[in-house]
Amino acid sequence: MTPDGMEPATPTKSRIEYLEELGEELVARGFRVRLTLPRGQSPALHVANPDASALTENILVEQAADGWWFWWSWSERITLADDTAGAADRVASVLAARP
């Protein structure tokens, strides 16, 4: 219980469910994804641009004071975890191969 007597917020989905949904969005956009479950660490979604092997990223989902968020591996927020399409847009933009 929190100091104000309220139950702490819990995600409506598990971390893995959030990452799986994001993975589905990214696969539909042509990216390769793999859910990783490192021992002793939070699960992550490894995303790769199949047209540019150097363009990869590990996406996390973690709770902040204002809700559950997708995060870049460099500890910057992407979008709220409930905004799967918005997160996929941002990830796709960052991992896009540019001529």
Protein backbone atom coordinates (compact mmCIF):
# COMPACT_ATOMS: atom_id res chain seq x y z
CA MET A 1 0.00 0.00 0.00
CA THR A 2 1.14 3.53 -0.72
CA PRO A 3 1.35 6.25 1.99
CA ASP A 4 -2.05 7.61 0.92
CA GLY A 5 -3.67 4.23 1.53
CA MET A 6 -4.06 3.41 -2.16
CA GLU A 7 -2.93 0.21 -3.79
CA PRO A 8 0.11 0.73 -6.04
CA ALA A 9 -0.67 0.85 -9.74
CA THR A 10 -0.24 -2.39 -11.60
CA PRO A 11 -0.06 -2.70 -15.35
CA THR A 12 -3.19 -3.79 -17.16
CA LYS A 13 -0.88 -6.08 -19.10
CA SER A 14 2.38 -7.80 -18.30
CA ARG A 15 5.68 -6.45 -19.60
CA ILE A 16 5.84 -9.34 -22.04
CA GLU A 17 2.33 -8.61 -23.37
CA TYR A 18 3.22 -4.96 -23.98
CA LEU A 19 6.41 -5.99 -25.80
CA GLU A 20 4.62 -8.67 -27.84
CA GLU A 21 2.05 -6.13 -29.02
CA LEU A 22 4.80 -3.70 -30.02
CA GLY A 23 6.59 -6.54 -31.77
CA GLU A 24 3.48 -7.36 -33.81
CA GLU A 25 3.20 -3.71 -34.90
CA LEU A 26 6.85 -3.64 -35.95
CA VAL A 27 6.71 -6.96 -37.82
CA ALA A 28 3.76 -5.58 -39.79
CA ARG A 29 6.07 -2.69 -40.78
CA GLY A 30 8.80 -5.02 -42.01
CA PHE A 31 11.10 -5.16 -38.98
CA ARG A 32 12.52 -8.29 -37.38
CA VAL A 33 11.86 -8.68 -33.68
CA ARG A 34 12.89 -11.06 -30.92
CA LEU A 35 11.70 -11.06 -27.33
CA THR A 36 14.65 -11.49 -24.98
CA LEU A 37 14.41 -12.64 -21.39
CA PRO A 38 17.85 -12.04 -19.85
CA ARG A 39 18.40 -13.70 -16.49
CA GLY A 40 17.98 -11.22 -13.65
CA GLN A 41 16.89 -8.37 -15.95
CA SER A 42 13.67 -7.06 -17.43
CA PRO A 43 12.46 -8.54 -20.72
CA ALA A 44 13.28 -6.56 -23.84
CA LEU A 45 12.22 -6.47 -27.46
CA HIS A 46 15.19 -6.64 -29.83
CA VAL A 47 14.23 -4.85 -33.06
CA ALA A 48 16.28 -5.00 -36.26
CA ASN A 49 15.95 -3.36 -39.66
CA PRO A 50 16.41 -6.25 -42.13
CA ASP A 51 17.71 -3.84 -44.77
CA ALA A 52 20.43 -2.36 -42.56
CA SER A 53 21.93 -4.82 -40.08
CA ALA A 54 23.56 -2.07 -38.01
CA LEU A 55 20.16 -0.54 -37.22
CA THR A 56 19.02 -2.41 -34.12
CA GLU A 57 17.62 -1.47 -30.73
CA ASN A 58 16.44 -3.08 -27.51
CA ILE A 59 13.11 -1.69 -26.29
CA LEU A 60 12.07 -2.01 -22.65
CA VAL A 61 8.79 -1.39 -20.85
CA GLU A 62 9.04 -0.03 -17.32
CA GLN A 63 6.88 1.77 -14.83
CA ALA A 64 7.43 5.45 -14.08
CA ALA A 65 5.54 7.64 -11.63
CA ASP A 66 3.05 8.54 -14.37
CA GLY A 67 2.43 5.07 -15.82
CA TRP A 68 3.97 2.32 -17.88
CA TRP A 69 6.25 3.45 -20.72
CA PHE A 70 8.24 2.00 -23.58
CA TRP A 71 11.89 3.03 -23.18
CA TRP A 72 14.93 3.16 -25.43
CA SER A 73 17.98 1.26 -24.21
CA TRP A 74 19.62 4.63 -23.43
CA SER A 75 16.94 5.32 -20.75
CA GLU A 76 14.79 7.75 -22.73
CA ARG A 77 11.03 7.36 -22.92
CA ILE A 78 9.38 6.48 -26.22
CA THR A 79 5.63 6.57 -25.49
CA LEU A 80 3.18 5.34 -22.90
CA ALA A 81 2.95 1.56 -23.17
CA ASP A 82 -0.73 1.75 -24.10
CA ASP A 83 0.23 3.68 -27.27
CA THR A 84 1.63 0.73 -29.20
CA ALA A 85 1.10 2.31 -32.64
CA GLY A 86 2.82 5.54 -31.54
CA ALA A 87 5.76 3.59 -30.14
CA ALA A 88 6.04 1.59 -33.37
CA ASP A 89 6.04 4.85 -35.36
CA ARG A 90 8.94 6.24 -33.32
CA VAL A 91 10.97 3.01 -33.39
CA ALA A 92 10.42 2.64 -37.13
CA SER A 93 11.52 6.24 -37.66
CA VAL A 94 14.73 5.81 -35.67
CA LEU A 95 15.61 2.48 -37.28
CA ALA A 96 14.74 3.54 -40.84
CA ALA A 97 17.49 3.12 -43.41
CA ARG A 98 18.16 6.47 -44.99
CA PRO A 99 19.89 6.84 -48.36
